[in-house]
Amino acid sequence: MFSWPLVAQPLFDTHLHYSASDAQHFSPQEILDLLDENAIPFAAVTGTPSTHVSKLYHQAPERIVPLLSVYRHDTDKATWINDESLIPYLEKELKSGYWRGIGELHIFAHNRHSKIFKKIIGLASAWQLPLLIHSDPTVIDTLYEIAPKQQVIWAHAGTFPYPDLVSDYLRRYPNLSIDVSMRDERIAPDGIINDEWYEFFVTYPDRFMIGVDTYTTSRWNSYDSAAATVRSWLAQLPDEIAKKLAFVNAAKLYKKPFNPFEI
């Protein structure tokens, strides 16, 4: 049993980072305690380097969904796209058997034909793992030209998070899911859910997931308020749709129990 409080809606946080800078301030147990305090039974976590995520996963393998980062150093975000040494590293890591996804990959239109990117798509396809992609729309098109059945999580609803545009992509690609981390101000300006986003969620209730995105240590320090913000706009949706966004869609993707109160 997890020791999280009984609240109206537990969350499955699908976009967390636990990197070297975070590990200097928060031990794996302190991260788990923070998740408990905010009623987060499950969390998908990546980090630079991946060793810290591995430690967190092994502390609580039933709760942490570990995503294998392509970044071994902070500078890799700008250089990974041409790094030939990355592929053997990923192949070795994947053989450990516990990684449940690859990413977050930051890639934009001018790099979309990278040989390294294509090889990573091939690895994800071979291991049947979702890719967490931080990209513009053209990259998504290129990815699905290469691997039409690949499961993709489009971080932050893409770099152009407009409901009309993203709706078009959801119609094109049935294996595309949307993570709306860091889009709270667009979704609910001044705390009130925007009508366009409301209709967007109601139209595609099975395609969205939530996340806080602890991209800096300061986000871990403000995790309580960030999670509360997500819960606030979720509560303005119809109950069944809110449950799907908050928990069920991610549970299906990562093969976790759908009902957190039965865990």
Protein backbone atom coordinates (compact mmCIF):
# COMPACT_ATOMS: atom_id res chain seq x y z
CA MET A 1 0.00 0.00 0.00
CA PHE A 2 1.16 3.52 -0.74
CA SER A 3 0.99 6.10 2.02
CA TRP A 4 -0.64 8.89 0.00
CA PRO A 5 -3.62 10.80 1.32
CA LEU A 6 -7.15 10.14 0.11
CA VAL A 7 -7.88 13.10 -2.14
CA ALA A 8 -10.45 13.68 -4.83
CA GLN A 9 -8.09 12.75 -7.66
CA PRO A 10 -4.70 11.01 -7.43
CA LEU A 11 -2.38 11.88 -10.29
CA PHE A 12 -0.08 9.86 -12.54
CA ASP A 13 2.71 12.34 -13.24
CA THR A 14 4.09 11.49 -16.68
CA HIS A 15 6.81 14.12 -16.99
CA LEU A 16 9.39 14.32 -14.22
CA HIS A 17 13.15 14.84 -14.25
CA TYR A 18 15.50 13.57 -11.54
CA SER A 19 18.98 14.63 -12.57
CA ALA A 20 22.36 15.07 -10.91
CA SER A 21 21.52 18.59 -9.71
CA ASP A 22 18.26 17.32 -8.16
CA ALA A 23 19.99 14.40 -6.46
CA GLN A 24 22.22 16.88 -4.62
CA HIS A 25 19.12 18.25 -2.86
CA PHE A 26 16.66 15.33 -2.79
CA SER A 27 17.43 11.70 -2.01
CA PRO A 28 15.34 9.01 -3.73
CA GLN A 29 13.35 8.57 -0.51
CA GLU A 30 12.69 12.30 -0.29
CA ILE A 31 11.35 12.25 -3.86
CA LEU A 32 9.05 9.36 -2.96
CA ASP A 33 7.90 11.21 0.17
CA LEU A 34 7.10 14.26 -1.96
CA LEU A 35 5.05 12.10 -4.33
CA ASP A 36 3.23 10.61 -1.33
CA GLU A 37 2.41 14.05 0.05
CA ASN A 38 0.87 15.02 -3.29
CA ALA A 39 -1.04 11.76 -3.90
CA ILE A 40 1.07 10.66 -6.87
CA PRO A 41 0.96 6.84 -6.86
CA PHE A 42 2.96 6.58 -10.12
CA ALA A 43 5.44 8.79 -11.95
CA ALA A 44 7.35 8.56 -15.22
CA VAL A 45 10.84 9.93 -14.62
CA THR A 46 13.85 10.74 -16.78
CA GLY A 47 17.10 12.44 -15.86
CA THR A 48 20.67 13.39 -16.75
CA PRO A 49 22.50 11.10 -16.29
CA SER A 50 20.15 8.13 -16.07
CA THR A 51 21.94 6.65 -13.05
CA HIS A 52 19.86 8.79 -10.69
CA VAL A 53 16.60 7.62 -12.26
CA SER A 54 17.86 4.06 -11.95
CA LYS A 55 18.44 4.54 -8.21
CA LEU A 56 14.99 6.05 -7.79
CA TYR A 57 13.40 3.19 -9.71
CA HIS A 58 15.17 0.52 -7.67
CA GLN A 59 14.01 2.23 -4.48
CA ALA A 60 10.37 1.86 -5.59
CA PRO A 61 10.08 -0.27 -8.76
CA GLU A 62 6.31 -0.62 -8.35
CA ARG A 63 5.84 3.17 -8.52
CA ILE A 64 8.51 4.68 -10.75
CA VAL A 65 8.28 4.36 -14.54
CA PRO A 66 11.90 4.89 -15.65
CA LEU A 67 12.52 6.62 -18.98
CA LEU A 68 15.99 6.22 -20.47
CA SER A 69 17.48 9.63 -21.21
CA VAL A 70 19.58 10.20 -24.32
CA TYR A 71 21.54 12.78 -22.34
CA ARG A 72 24.55 11.59 -20.37
CA HIS A 73 25.73 15.15 -19.68
CA ASP A 74 23.92 18.49 -19.62
CA THR A 75 25.65 19.54 -22.84
CA ASP A 76 24.19 16.54 -24.70
CA LYS A 77 20.88 18.34 -25.23
CA ALA A 78 22.57 20.37 -27.96
CA THR A 79 24.87 17.67 -29.38
CA TRP A 80 23.14 14.27 -29.12
CA ILE A 81 21.71 14.52 -32.58
CA ASN A 82 25.16 13.79 -34.11
CA ASP A 83 26.66 11.62 -31.35
CA GLU A 84 27.51 8.19 -32.81
CA SER A 85 28.51 6.87 -29.36
CA LEU A 86 24.94 7.28 -28.12
CA ILE A 87 23.51 4.23 -29.87
CA PRO A 88 25.76 1.57 -28.26
CA TYR A 89 25.16 3.26 -24.90
CA LEU A 90 21.38 3.05 -25.33
CA GLU A 91 21.59 -0.53 -26.58
CA LYS A 92 23.55 -1.54 -23.48
CA GLU A 93 21.15 0.23 -21.12
CA LEU A 94 18.07 -1.25 -22.75
CA LYS A 95 19.41 -4.75 -22.18
CA SER A 96 18.98 -4.18 -18.43
CA GLY A 97 15.28 -4.73 -19.11
CA TYR A 98 13.67 -2.23 -16.75
CA TRP A 99 13.45 0.92 -18.88
CA ARG A 100 9.84 1.71 -19.87
CA GLY A 101 10.42 4.48 -22.39
CA ILE A 102 13.07 6.64 -24.07
CA GLY A 103 13.33 10.41 -23.74
CA GLU A 104 12.95 13.25 -23.34
CA LEU A 105 14.37 14.01 -26.80
CA HIS A 106 14.64 17.68 -27.76
CA ILE A 107 14.65 17.83 -31.55
CA PHE A 108 13.43 20.38 -34.06
CA ALA A 109 12.72 20.58 -37.77
CA HIS A 110 16.25 21.26 -39.04
CA ASN A 111 17.53 18.06 -37.36
CA ARG A 112 14.63 15.77 -38.20
CA HIS A 113 16.61 13.72 -40.75
CA SER A 114 19.41 12.91 -38.30
CA LYS A 115 20.73 9.35 -38.60
CA ILE A 116 20.99 9.16 -34.81
CA PHE A 117 17.33 10.13 -34.43
CA LYS A 118 16.34 7.45 -36.94
CA LYS A 119 18.36 4.83 -35.05
CA ILE A 120 16.73 5.82 -31.75
CA ILE A 121 13.31 5.44 -33.36
CA GLY A 122 14.41 1.98 -34.48
CA LEU A 123 15.48 1.07 -30.94
CA ALA A 124 12.18 2.26 -29.47
CA SER A 125 10.28 0.27 -32.07
CA ALA A 126 12.35 -2.88 -31.53
CA TRP A 127 11.91 -2.71 -27.74
CA GLN A 128 8.28 -1.57 -28.03
CA LEU A 129 8.92 1.48 -25.86
CA PRO A 130 7.23 4.89 -26.13
CA LEU A 131 9.28 7.92 -27.11
CA LEU A 132 8.92 11.16 -25.15
CA ILE A 133 9.52 13.89 -27.73
CA HIS A 134 9.97 17.64 -27.22
CA SER A 135 9.57 18.89 -30.77
CA ASP A 136 7.80 20.91 -33.39
CA PRO A 137 5.13 19.34 -35.63
CA THR A 138 7.44 18.55 -38.55
CA VAL A 139 9.46 16.17 -36.39
CA ILE A 140 6.30 14.23 -35.53
CA ASP A 141 5.51 13.87 -39.23
CA THR A 142 9.04 12.64 -39.97
CA LEU A 143 8.95 10.17 -37.08
CA TYR A 144 5.70 8.62 -38.30
CA GLU A 145 7.06 8.38 -41.83
CA ILE A 146 9.83 6.21 -40.37
CA ALA A 147 7.75 4.22 -37.85
CA PRO A 148 3.98 4.52 -38.47
CA LYS A 149 3.05 2.46 -35.41
CA GLN A 150 5.44 3.99 -32.89
CA GLN A 151 3.94 5.12 -29.58
CA VAL A 152 4.89 8.76 -29.06
CA ILE A 153 4.27 11.14 -26.16
CA TRP A 154 4.40 14.70 -27.44
CA ALA A 155 5.73 16.73 -24.53
CA HIS A 156 3.94 19.99 -23.62
CA ALA A 157 1.44 19.51 -26.49
CA GLY A 158 4.28 20.42 -28.81
CA THR A 159 6.14 23.66 -29.40
CA PHE A 160 3.01 25.21 -30.93
CA PRO A 161 0.36 24.11 -28.41
CA TYR A 162 -2.74 25.27 -30.26
CA PRO A 163 -5.76 22.97 -29.95
CA ASP A 164 -6.63 23.19 -33.65
CA LEU A 165 -3.12 22.22 -34.72
CA VAL A 166 -2.69 19.43 -32.17
CA SER A 167 -6.19 18.09 -32.98
CA ASP A 168 -5.05 17.64 -36.57
CA TYR A 169 -2.09 15.55 -35.39
CA LEU A 170 -4.24 13.42 -33.11
CA ARG A 171 -6.45 12.61 -36.09
CA ARG A 172 -3.44 11.77 -38.27
CA TYR A 173 -1.58 9.55 -35.83
CA PRO A 174 -3.55 7.14 -33.60
CA ASN A 175 -0.47 6.22 -31.53
CA LEU A 176 0.28 9.81 -30.57
CA SER A 177 -0.43 10.88 -26.98
CA ILE A 178 -0.14 14.38 -25.57
CA ASP A 179 1.55 15.39 -22.32
CA VAL A 180 0.31 18.83 -21.26
CA SER A 181 3.02 19.56 -18.70
CA MET A 182 3.97 23.25 -18.40
CA ARG A 183 0.82 24.35 -20.26
CA ASP A 184 -1.32 25.24 -17.23
CA GLU A 185 -1.41 28.96 -18.03
CA ARG A 186 -2.67 28.24 -21.54
CA ILE A 187 -5.17 25.66 -20.37
CA ALA A 188 -6.53 27.69 -17.47
CA PRO A 189 -5.58 31.36 -17.56
CA ASP A 190 -6.30 32.96 -14.19
CA GLY A 191 -7.29 29.50 -12.95
CA ILE A 192 -10.37 29.13 -15.19
CA ILE A 193 -10.18 26.49 -17.89
CA ASN A 194 -10.22 27.96 -21.38
CA ASP A 195 -13.27 27.00 -23.47
CA GLU A 196 -11.16 25.85 -26.41
CA TRP A 197 -9.05 23.57 -24.22
CA TYR A 198 -12.16 22.28 -22.46
CA GLU A 199 -13.63 21.20 -25.80
CA PHE A 200 -10.27 19.80 -26.84
CA PHE A 201 -10.12 17.51 -23.80
CA VAL A 202 -13.76 16.49 -24.15
CA THR A 203 -13.23 15.61 -27.83
CA TYR A 204 -10.07 13.54 -27.26
CA PRO A 205 -10.34 12.31 -23.66
CA ASP A 206 -8.18 9.21 -24.22
CA ARG A 207 -5.18 10.99 -25.68
CA PHE A 208 -3.94 13.30 -22.90
CA MET A 209 -1.75 12.89 -19.83
CA ILE A 210 -0.61 15.35 -17.17
CA GLY A 211 2.80 16.16 -15.72
CA VAL A 212 4.55 18.78 -13.61
CA ASP A 213 7.93 18.70 -15.44
CA THR A 214 10.63 19.17 -12.80
CA TYR A 215 13.12 20.47 -15.36
CA THR A 216 14.96 22.39 -12.63
CA THR A 217 15.44 21.73 -8.92
CA SER A 218 13.28 24.78 -8.20
CA ARG A 219 10.33 22.91 -9.72
CA TRP A 220 10.84 20.15 -7.14
CA ASN A 221 10.83 22.85 -4.48
CA SER A 222 7.46 24.10 -5.75
CA TYR A 223 6.04 20.68 -6.58
CA ASP A 224 3.13 21.03 -4.14
CA SER A 225 1.78 24.17 -5.78
CA ALA A 226 2.38 22.86 -9.31
CA ALA A 227 0.43 19.67 -8.59
CA ALA A 228 -2.35 21.73 -6.99
CA THR A 229 -2.59 23.86 -10.13
CA VAL A 230 -3.05 20.77 -12.29
CA ARG A 231 -5.74 19.44 -9.95
CA SER A 232 -7.53 22.78 -10.03
CA TRP A 233 -8.17 22.80 -13.77
CA LEU A 234 -8.79 19.03 -13.89
CA ALA A 235 -11.62 19.57 -11.39
CA GLN A 236 -13.36 21.81 -13.92
CA LEU A 237 -13.72 18.94 -16.41
CA PRO A 238 -16.44 16.25 -16.31
CA ASP A 239 -15.44 13.69 -13.70
CA GLU A 240 -14.83 10.74 -16.04
CA ILE A 241 -12.74 12.86 -18.40
CA ALA A 242 -10.73 14.30 -15.52
CA LYS A 243 -9.95 10.76 -14.31
CA LYS A 244 -8.70 9.78 -17.76
CA LEU A 245 -6.36 12.75 -18.02
CA ALA A 246 -5.21 12.54 -14.42
CA PHE A 247 -4.54 8.84 -14.25
CA VAL A 248 -6.21 6.29 -16.50
CA ASN A 249 -4.59 7.18 -19.83
CA ALA A 250 -1.08 7.00 -18.38
CA ALA A 251 -1.92 3.79 -16.52
CA LYS A 252 -2.99 2.19 -19.80
CA LEU A 253 0.12 3.35 -21.61
CA TYR A 254 2.51 2.18 -18.91
CA LYS A 255 0.50 -0.90 -17.90
CA LYS A 256 -0.28 0.12 -14.34
CA PRO A 257 -3.52 -0.42 -12.35
CA PHE A 258 -6.29 1.87 -13.59
CA ASN A 259 -7.83 2.52 -10.18
CA PRO A 260 -5.31 4.02 -7.73
CA PHE A 261 -7.56 3.32 -4.76
CA GLU A 262 -7.26 -0.42 -5.42
CA ILE A 263 -3.48 -0.43 -5.28
